[in-house]
Amino acid sequence: MRRRARTDATVILEGPRTLSEALAAGIEPSVVVTAESALGSLPVRDVLGRLTPGVEVMVLTDQAFQSVAPAVSPQPMLALTDKPQAVVPVSMARDDLALVLVGVSDPGNTGTIIRTAEACAACCVVVAGGADPWAPKAVRASAGSVLRVPVVGAEDAGAALTALREAGASIVAADSREGEAHDSGVLVGQGPVALVLGSESHGLDNSILAPADIRVRIGMAGDTESLNVAMAATILAFEYRRRP
């Protein structure tokens, strides 16, 4: 299977576990490819037994499977499925949380943040630029959460934040240099929030920081300038979920 462009309407899922989670989420593949040597594997047999009759199943020799798999050490099963579609909510409830990623470039971080989003019961994750949340590494890092959390692709971060504000959210921007301490209570009881995180190396541009309702920072000791963006997202999201 060739590497797919970000704009493709389909996505490659790797491994029987991920495919099993997709089936549980109601996502049906159009094509499933497995290595010949994996046919005796219980997880592979379980997935194959749950497919509907219309799904095309291809069994390849191990060498042929290695040649089409996107990873160097691939899982023994691949699937092609339609990419789930999601949009920015038009209205947010009082305790809703949206995570907005602006230029987060590492797919591992993107996937981990989506995993955090599910753990914090976020209503959606908005991805504006940066890594493709459906890249194989991002899907793996999400541990299946990308199949269950609405993930919205946004071409323009400013327009996405405007839509979230119109839906009722306060815009909270992570800023490692300025802003209120994350554990000062500023995030607790805020009502619906869109938590915005920037790229690993540069953070958020002033065009995003300036119109934010709140800037928040995580205080750190020593000479550390900032945390890994996925770690910061987790700390801030769970702080938001803390109740007074």
C-alpha atoms as a PDB file:
ATOM      1  CA  MET A   1       0.000   0.000   0.000  1.00  0.00           C
ATOM      2  CA  ARG A   2       1.490   3.344  -0.997  1.00  0.00           C
ATOM      3  CA  ARG A   3       1.979   6.189   1.456  1.00  0.00           C
ATOM      4  CA  ARG A   4      -1.231   8.184   1.310  1.00  0.00           C
ATOM      5  CA  ALA A   5      -1.523  11.949   1.052  1.00  0.00           C
ATOM      6  CA  ARG A   6      -3.083  13.884   3.908  1.00  0.00           C
ATOM      7  CA  THR A   7      -6.011  14.851   1.685  1.00  0.00           C
ATOM      8  CA  ASP A   8      -6.895  11.242   0.862  1.00  0.00           C
ATOM      9  CA  ALA A   9     -10.376  10.170   1.953  1.00  0.00           C
ATOM     10  CA  THR A  10      -9.007   6.797   3.028  1.00  0.00           C
ATOM     11  CA  VAL A  11      -6.638   5.717   5.765  1.00  0.00           C
ATOM     12  CA  ILE A  12      -4.418   2.690   6.407  1.00  0.00           C
ATOM     13  CA  LEU A  13      -4.899   0.885   9.711  1.00  0.00           C
ATOM     14  CA  GLU A  14      -2.127  -1.374  10.963  1.00  0.00           C
ATOM     15  CA  GLY A  15      -2.428  -4.510  13.043  1.00  0.00           C
ATOM     16  CA  PRO A  16      -5.263  -6.753  14.200  1.00  0.00           C
ATOM     17  CA  ARG A  17      -5.709  -4.849  17.451  1.00  0.00           C
ATOM     18  CA  THR A  18      -6.254  -1.510  15.705  1.00  0.00           C
ATOM     19  CA  LEU A  19      -8.548  -3.119  13.168  1.00  0.00           C
ATOM     20  CA  SER A  20     -10.501  -4.818  15.952  1.00  0.00           C
ATOM     21  CA  GLU A  21     -10.983  -1.442  17.630  1.00  0.00           C
ATOM     22  CA  ALA A  22     -12.105   0.045  14.312  1.00  0.00           C
ATOM     23  CA  LEU A  23     -14.718  -2.677  13.893  1.00  0.00           C
ATOM     24  CA  ALA A  24     -15.913  -2.077  17.460  1.00  0.00           C
ATOM     25  CA  ALA A  25     -16.268   1.627  16.607  1.00  0.00           C
ATOM     26  CA  GLY A  26     -18.401   0.778  13.570  1.00  0.00           C
ATOM     27  CA  ILE A  27     -15.650   1.481  11.032  1.00  0.00           C
ATOM     28  CA  GLU A  28     -15.733  -1.124   8.272  1.00  0.00           C
ATOM     29  CA  PRO A  29     -12.691  -1.557   6.000  1.00  0.00           C
ATOM     30  CA  SER A  30     -12.965  -1.970   2.262  1.00  0.00           C
ATOM     31  CA  VAL A  31      -9.770  -4.029   1.919  1.00  0.00           C
ATOM     32  CA  VAL A  32      -7.841  -6.154   4.411  1.00  0.00           C
ATOM     33  CA  VAL A  33      -4.354  -7.448   3.681  1.00  0.00           C
ATOM     34  CA  THR A  34      -2.598 -10.020   5.835  1.00  0.00           C
ATOM     35  CA  ALA A  35       0.635 -11.958   5.713  1.00  0.00           C
ATOM     36  CA  GLU A  36       0.376 -15.663   4.919  1.00  0.00           C
ATOM     37  CA  SER A  37       2.292 -16.627   8.061  1.00  0.00           C
ATOM     38  CA  ALA A  38      -0.174 -14.693  10.249  1.00  0.00           C
ATOM     39  CA  LEU A  39      -3.245 -16.708   9.270  1.00  0.00           C
ATOM     40  CA  GLY A  40      -2.780 -18.972  12.275  1.00  0.00           C
ATOM     41  CA  SER A  41      -2.684 -16.032  14.694  1.00  0.00           C
ATOM     42  CA  LEU A  42      -5.728 -15.875  16.973  1.00  0.00           C
ATOM     43  CA  PRO A  43      -6.076 -12.041  16.767  1.00  0.00           C
ATOM     44  CA  VAL A  44      -5.873 -12.174  12.957  1.00  0.00           C
ATOM     45  CA  ARG A  45      -8.414 -15.002  12.760  1.00  0.00           C
ATOM     46  CA  ASP A  46     -10.723 -13.115  15.116  1.00  0.00           C
ATOM     47  CA  VAL A  47     -10.674 -10.002  12.903  1.00  0.00           C
ATOM     48  CA  LEU A  48     -11.196 -12.004   9.726  1.00  0.00           C
ATOM     49  CA  GLY A  49     -14.174 -13.722  11.314  1.00  0.00           C
ATOM     50  CA  ARG A  50     -15.824 -10.387  12.131  1.00  0.00           C
ATOM     51  CA  LEU A  51     -15.616  -8.898   8.641  1.00  0.00           C
ATOM     52  CA  THR A  52     -18.744  -8.524   6.547  1.00  0.00           C
ATOM     53  CA  PRO A  53     -18.934 -10.531   3.297  1.00  0.00           C
ATOM     54  CA  GLY A  54     -18.314  -7.447   1.128  1.00  0.00           C
ATOM     55  CA  VAL A  55     -14.806  -6.793   2.497  1.00  0.00           C
ATOM     56  CA  GLU A  56     -12.006  -7.799   0.122  1.00  0.00           C
ATOM     57  CA  VAL A  57      -9.395  -9.942   1.894  1.00  0.00           C
ATOM     58  CA  MET A  58      -5.943 -10.405   0.343  1.00  0.00           C
ATOM     59  CA  VAL A  59      -3.413 -12.919   1.669  1.00  0.00           C
ATOM     60  CA  LEU A  60       0.168 -12.190   0.595  1.00  0.00           C
ATOM     61  CA  THR A  61       3.424 -14.026   1.014  1.00  0.00           C
ATOM     62  CA  ASP A  62       5.495 -12.605   3.829  1.00  0.00           C
ATOM     63  CA  GLN A  63       7.920 -11.028   1.360  1.00  0.00           C
ATOM     64  CA  ALA A  64       5.132  -9.384  -0.628  1.00  0.00           C
ATOM     65  CA  PHE A  65       3.489  -8.161   2.586  1.00  0.00           C
ATOM     66  CA  GLN A  66       6.764  -6.596   3.756  1.00  0.00           C
ATOM     67  CA  SER A  67       6.999  -4.720   0.460  1.00  0.00           C
ATOM     68  CA  VAL A  68       3.603  -3.030   0.826  1.00  0.00           C
ATOM     69  CA  ALA A  69       3.589  -2.401   4.589  1.00  0.00           C
ATOM     70  CA  PRO A  70       4.316   1.219   5.630  1.00  0.00           C
ATOM     71  CA  ALA A  71       6.412   0.257   8.691  1.00  0.00           C
ATOM     72  CA  VAL A  72       9.885  -1.308   8.763  1.00  0.00           C
ATOM     73  CA  SER A  73       8.682  -3.922  11.269  1.00  0.00           C
ATOM     74  CA  PRO A  74       5.044  -4.145  10.253  1.00  0.00           C
ATOM     75  CA  GLN A  75       2.063  -5.592  12.069  1.00  0.00           C
ATOM     76  CA  PRO A  76       0.816  -8.728  10.269  1.00  0.00           C
ATOM     77  CA  MET A  77      -2.394  -7.100   9.043  1.00  0.00           C
ATOM     78  CA  LEU A  78      -3.288  -3.919   7.159  1.00  0.00           C
ATOM     79  CA  ALA A  79      -6.660  -2.452   6.271  1.00  0.00           C
ATOM     80  CA  LEU A  80      -7.893   0.335   4.043  1.00  0.00           C
ATOM     81  CA  THR A  81     -10.939   2.223   5.300  1.00  0.00           C
ATOM     82  CA  ASP A  82     -12.736   5.509   4.813  1.00  0.00           C
ATOM     83  CA  LYS A  83     -11.365   8.280   6.995  1.00  0.00           C
ATOM     84  CA  PRO A  84     -13.919   9.240   9.677  1.00  0.00           C
ATOM     85  CA  GLN A  85     -15.225  12.760   9.131  1.00  0.00           C
ATOM     86  CA  ALA A  86     -15.812  15.287  11.918  1.00  0.00           C
ATOM     87  CA  VAL A  87     -16.613  18.995  12.166  1.00  0.00           C
ATOM     88  CA  VAL A  88     -16.214  21.680  14.820  1.00  0.00           C
ATOM     89  CA  PRO A  89     -19.237  21.530  17.135  1.00  0.00           C
ATOM     90  CA  VAL A  90     -21.784  24.323  16.688  1.00  0.00           C
ATOM     91  CA  SER A  91     -22.606  24.356  20.388  1.00  0.00           C
ATOM     92  CA  MET A  92     -20.562  23.265  23.404  1.00  0.00           C
ATOM     93  CA  ALA A  93     -21.867  22.183  26.784  1.00  0.00           C
ATOM     94  CA  ARG A  94     -20.610  23.701  30.026  1.00  0.00           C
ATOM     95  CA  ASP A  95     -18.002  20.993  30.669  1.00  0.00           C
ATOM     96  CA  ASP A  96     -16.906  20.421  27.077  1.00  0.00           C
ATOM     97  CA  LEU A  97     -13.215  20.470  26.230  1.00  0.00           C
ATOM     98  CA  ALA A  98     -11.743  20.758  22.735  1.00  0.00           C
ATOM     99  CA  LEU A  99      -8.016  20.318  22.114  1.00  0.00           C
ATOM    100  CA  VAL A 100      -6.629  22.395  19.257  1.00  0.00           C
ATOM    101  CA  LEU A 101      -3.224  21.518  17.788  1.00  0.00           C
ATOM    102  CA  VAL A 102      -1.562  24.214  15.720  1.00  0.00           C
ATOM    103  CA  GLY A 103       1.499  23.016  13.829  1.00  0.00           C
ATOM    104  CA  VAL A 104       2.305  20.058  16.101  1.00  0.00           C
ATOM    105  CA  SER A 105       4.739  18.316  13.785  1.00  0.00           C
ATOM    106  CA  ASP A 106       5.505  14.989  15.416  1.00  0.00           C
ATOM    107  CA  PRO A 107       2.873  12.316  14.672  1.00  0.00           C
ATOM    108  CA  GLY A 108       3.729  10.548  17.928  1.00  0.00           C
ATOM    109  CA  ASN A 109       2.830  13.673  19.877  1.00  0.00           C
ATOM    110  CA  THR A 110      -0.329  14.175  17.841  1.00  0.00           C
ATOM    111  CA  GLY A 111      -1.466  10.612  18.498  1.00  0.00           C
ATOM    112  CA  THR A 112      -0.636  10.832  22.195  1.00  0.00           C
ATOM    113  CA  ILE A 113      -2.659  14.043  22.540  1.00  0.00           C
ATOM    114  CA  ILE A 114      -5.631  12.359  20.867  1.00  0.00           C
ATOM    115  CA  ARG A 115      -5.267   9.550  23.416  1.00  0.00           C
ATOM    116  CA  THR A 116      -5.294  12.168  26.179  1.00  0.00           C
ATOM    117  CA  ALA A 117      -8.400  13.704  24.610  1.00  0.00           C
ATOM    118  CA  GLU A 118     -10.290  10.443  24.993  1.00  0.00           C
ATOM    119  CA  ALA A 119      -9.043   9.991  28.556  1.00  0.00           C
ATOM    120  CA  CYS A 120     -10.309  13.500  29.399  1.00  0.00           C
ATOM    121  CA  ALA A 121     -13.637  13.042  27.586  1.00  0.00           C
ATOM    122  CA  ALA A 122     -12.839  15.832  25.122  1.00  0.00           C
ATOM    123  CA  CYS A 123     -15.586  16.553  22.608  1.00  0.00           C
ATOM    124  CA  CYS A 124     -13.102  16.830  19.728  1.00  0.00           C
ATOM    125  CA  VAL A 125      -9.524  17.412  18.636  1.00  0.00           C
ATOM    126  CA  VAL A 126      -8.892  20.058  15.984  1.00  0.00           C
ATOM    127  CA  VAL A 127      -5.677  19.651  13.992  1.00  0.00           C
ATOM    128  CA  ALA A 128      -4.485  22.723  12.088  1.00  0.00           C
ATOM    129  CA  GLY A 129      -1.279  22.023  10.180  1.00  0.00           C
ATOM    130  CA  GLY A 130       1.539  19.838  11.417  1.00  0.00           C
ATOM    131  CA  ALA A 131       1.386  16.058  11.484  1.00  0.00           C
ATOM    132  CA  ASP A 132      -1.395  14.093   9.883  1.00  0.00           C
ATOM    133  CA  PRO A 133      -3.449  12.543  12.734  1.00  0.00           C
ATOM    134  CA  TRP A 134      -4.126   9.559  10.437  1.00  0.00           C
ATOM    135  CA  ALA A 135      -0.474   8.837   9.693  1.00  0.00           C
ATOM    136  CA  PRO A 136       0.410   5.296  10.852  1.00  0.00           C
ATOM    137  CA  LYS A 137       2.659   6.554  13.671  1.00  0.00           C
ATOM    138  CA  ALA A 138      -0.068   8.890  14.947  1.00  0.00           C
ATOM    139  CA  VAL A 139      -2.684   6.138  14.829  1.00  0.00           C
ATOM    140  CA  ARG A 140      -0.371   3.818  16.778  1.00  0.00           C
ATOM    141  CA  ALA A 141       0.419   6.496  19.373  1.00  0.00           C
ATOM    142  CA  SER A 142      -3.285   7.186  19.874  1.00  0.00           C
ATOM    143  CA  ALA A 143      -3.770   3.549  20.965  1.00  0.00           C
ATOM    144  CA  GLY A 144      -7.060   3.452  19.065  1.00  0.00           C
ATOM    145  CA  SER A 145      -8.406   6.758  20.409  1.00  0.00           C
ATOM    146  CA  VAL A 146      -8.291   8.335  16.937  1.00  0.00           C
ATOM    147  CA  LEU A 147     -11.022   5.863  15.972  1.00  0.00           C
ATOM    148  CA  ARG A 148     -13.324   7.079  18.757  1.00  0.00           C
ATOM    149  CA  VAL A 149     -12.589  10.784  19.288  1.00  0.00           C
ATOM    150  CA  PRO A 150     -13.877  13.222  16.630  1.00  0.00           C
ATOM    151  CA  VAL A 151     -10.760  14.568  14.875  1.00  0.00           C
ATOM    152  CA  VAL A 152     -11.329  17.704  12.813  1.00  0.00           C
ATOM    153  CA  GLY A 153      -8.853  18.766  10.148  1.00  0.00           C
ATOM    154  CA  ALA A 154      -8.674  22.553   9.861  1.00  0.00           C
ATOM    155  CA  GLU A 155      -6.900  24.470   7.102  1.00  0.00           C
ATOM    156  CA  ASP A 156      -7.023  27.723   9.066  1.00  0.00           C
ATOM    157  CA  ALA A 157      -6.410  27.728  12.822  1.00  0.00           C
ATOM    158  CA  GLY A 158      -7.886  31.205  13.285  1.00  0.00           C
ATOM    159  CA  ALA A 159     -11.128  30.242  11.566  1.00  0.00           C
ATOM    160  CA  ALA A 160     -11.375  27.073  13.677  1.00  0.00           C
ATOM    161  CA  LEU A 161     -10.905  29.074  16.892  1.00  0.00           C
ATOM    162  CA  THR A 162     -13.524  31.581  15.779  1.00  0.00           C
ATOM    163  CA  ALA A 163     -15.955  28.710  15.228  1.00  0.00           C
ATOM    164  CA  LEU A 164     -15.173  27.270  18.671  1.00  0.00           C
ATOM    165  CA  ARG A 165     -15.691  30.671  20.292  1.00  0.00           C
ATOM    166  CA  GLU A 166     -19.041  30.996  18.517  1.00  0.00           C
ATOM    167  CA  ALA A 167     -19.904  27.550  19.896  1.00  0.00           C
ATOM    168  CA  GLY A 168     -19.396  28.969  23.392  1.00  0.00           C
ATOM    169  CA  ALA A 169     -15.795  28.070  24.190  1.00  0.00           C
ATOM    170  CA  SER A 170     -13.232  30.213  25.957  1.00  0.00           C
ATOM    171  CA  ILE A 171      -9.920  30.115  24.081  1.00  0.00           C
ATOM    172  CA  VAL A 172      -7.083  29.040  26.385  1.00  0.00           C
ATOM    173  CA  ALA A 173      -3.624  29.196  24.824  1.00  0.00           C
ATOM    174  CA  ALA A 174      -0.628  27.336  26.227  1.00  0.00           C
ATOM    175  CA  ASP A 175       2.300  29.738  26.542  1.00  0.00           C
ATOM    176  CA  SER A 176       5.495  28.518  28.204  1.00  0.00           C
ATOM    177  CA  ARG A 177       6.777  32.072  28.692  1.00  0.00           C
ATOM    178  CA  GLU A 178       3.790  34.062  29.897  1.00  0.00           C
ATOM    179  CA  GLY A 179       0.354  33.478  31.289  1.00  0.00           C
ATOM    180  CA  GLU A 180      -1.247  32.344  34.508  1.00  0.00           C
ATOM    181  CA  ALA A 181       0.008  29.293  36.365  1.00  0.00           C
ATOM    182  CA  HIS A 182      -1.878  26.200  35.284  1.00  0.00           C
ATOM    183  CA  ASP A 183      -2.478  25.083  38.875  1.00  0.00           C
ATOM    184  CA  SER A 184      -3.740  28.461  40.113  1.00  0.00           C
ATOM    185  CA  GLY A 185      -7.344  27.467  39.465  1.00  0.00           C
ATOM    186  CA  VAL A 186      -7.577  29.489  36.258  1.00  0.00           C
ATOM    187  CA  LEU A 187      -8.699  26.432  34.276  1.00  0.00           C
ATOM    188  CA  VAL A 188     -11.120  25.028  36.827  1.00  0.00           C
ATOM    189  CA  GLY A 189     -14.793  25.818  36.310  1.00  0.00           C
ATOM    190  CA  GLN A 190     -14.137  27.811  33.138  1.00  0.00           C
ATOM    191  CA  GLY A 191     -17.101  26.464  31.215  1.00  0.00           C
ATOM    192  CA  PRO A 192     -16.426  25.071  27.735  1.00  0.00           C
ATOM    193  CA  VAL A 193     -12.793  25.500  26.756  1.00  0.00           C
ATOM    194  CA  ALA A 194     -10.748  25.204  23.579  1.00  0.00           C
ATOM    195  CA  LEU A 195      -7.216  24.417  24.766  1.00  0.00           C
ATOM    196  CA  VAL A 196      -4.706  25.470  22.107  1.00  0.00           C
ATOM    197  CA  LEU A 197      -1.204  24.005  21.846  1.00  0.00           C
ATOM    198  CA  GLY A 198       1.507  24.966  19.387  1.00  0.00           C
ATOM    199  CA  SER A 199       4.470  23.381  17.684  1.00  0.00           C
ATOM    200  CA  GLU A 200       7.143  21.588  19.680  1.00  0.00           C
ATOM    201  CA  SER A 201       9.906  24.038  18.743  1.00  0.00           C
ATOM    202  CA  HIS A 202       8.143  27.411  18.468  1.00  0.00           C
ATOM    203  CA  GLY A 203       4.913  27.231  20.431  1.00  0.00           C
ATOM    204  CA  LEU A 204       2.063  29.447  19.266  1.00  0.00           C
ATOM    205  CA  ASP A 205       2.359  32.503  17.043  1.00  0.00           C
ATOM    206  CA  ASN A 206       1.212  35.857  18.366  1.00  0.00           C
ATOM    207  CA  SER A 207      -1.688  35.724  15.895  1.00  0.00           C
ATOM    208  CA  ILE A 208      -3.092  32.887  18.049  1.00  0.00           C
ATOM    209  CA  LEU A 209      -1.882  34.115  21.445  1.00  0.00           C
ATOM    210  CA  ALA A 210      -3.123  37.708  21.143  1.00  0.00           C
ATOM    211  CA  PRO A 211      -6.856  36.995  20.772  1.00  0.00           C
ATOM    212  CA  ALA A 212      -6.882  34.171  23.353  1.00  0.00           C
ATOM    213  CA  ASP A 213      -9.115  34.706  26.376  1.00  0.00           C
ATOM    214  CA  ILE A 214      -6.543  33.167  28.712  1.00  0.00           C
ATOM    215  CA  ARG A 215      -2.871  32.282  28.465  1.00  0.00           C
ATOM    216  CA  VAL A 216      -1.688  29.504  30.723  1.00  0.00           C
ATOM    217  CA  ARG A 217       1.772  28.210  31.526  1.00  0.00           C
ATOM    218  CA  ILE A 218       3.188  25.257  33.415  1.00  0.00           C
ATOM    219  CA  GLY A 219       5.773  26.385  35.950  1.00  0.00           C
ATOM    220  CA  MET A 220       9.071  24.473  35.787  1.00  0.00           C
ATOM    221  CA  ALA A 221      12.231  24.371  37.840  1.00  0.00           C
ATOM    222  CA  GLY A 222      15.789  24.513  36.553  1.00  0.00           C
ATOM    223  CA  ASP A 223      16.742  25.506  33.036  1.00  0.00           C
ATOM    224  CA  THR A 224      13.948  23.620  31.268  1.00  0.00           C
ATOM    225  CA  GLU A 225      12.214  25.944  28.815  1.00  0.00           C
ATOM    226  CA  SER A 226       9.188  23.831  28.021  1.00  0.00           C
ATOM    227  CA  LEU A 227       7.670  20.382  28.287  1.00  0.00           C
ATOM    228  CA  ASN A 228       6.987  17.967  25.481  1.00  0.00           C
ATOM    229  CA  VAL A 229       3.752  19.180  23.894  1.00  0.00           C
ATOM    230  CA  ALA A 230       1.919  15.905  24.532  1.00  0.00           C
ATOM    231  CA  MET A 231       2.943  16.004  28.189  1.00  0.00           C
ATOM    232  CA  ALA A 232       1.825  19.632  28.478  1.00  0.00           C
ATOM    233  CA  ALA A 233      -1.508  18.812  26.848  1.00  0.00           C
ATOM    234  CA  THR A 234      -2.087  16.010  29.342  1.00  0.00           C
ATOM    235  CA  ILE A 235      -1.292  18.166  32.374  1.00  0.00           C
ATOM    236  CA  LEU A 236      -3.508  21.028  31.187  1.00  0.00           C
ATOM    237  CA  ALA A 237      -6.406  18.813  30.113  1.00  0.00           C
ATOM    238  CA  PHE A 238      -6.507  16.986  33.433  1.00  0.00           C
ATOM    239  CA  GLU A 239      -6.212  20.276  35.304  1.00  0.00           C
ATOM    240  CA  TYR A 240      -9.278  21.483  33.413  1.00  0.00           C
ATOM    241  CA  ARG A 241     -11.128  18.346  34.478  1.00  0.00           C
ATOM    242  CA  ARG A 242     -10.301  18.975  38.132  1.00  0.00           C
ATOM    243  CA  ARG A 243     -13.393  20.152  40.001  1.00  0.00           C
ATOM    244  CA  PRO A 244     -13.281  22.708  42.856  1.00  0.00           C
END
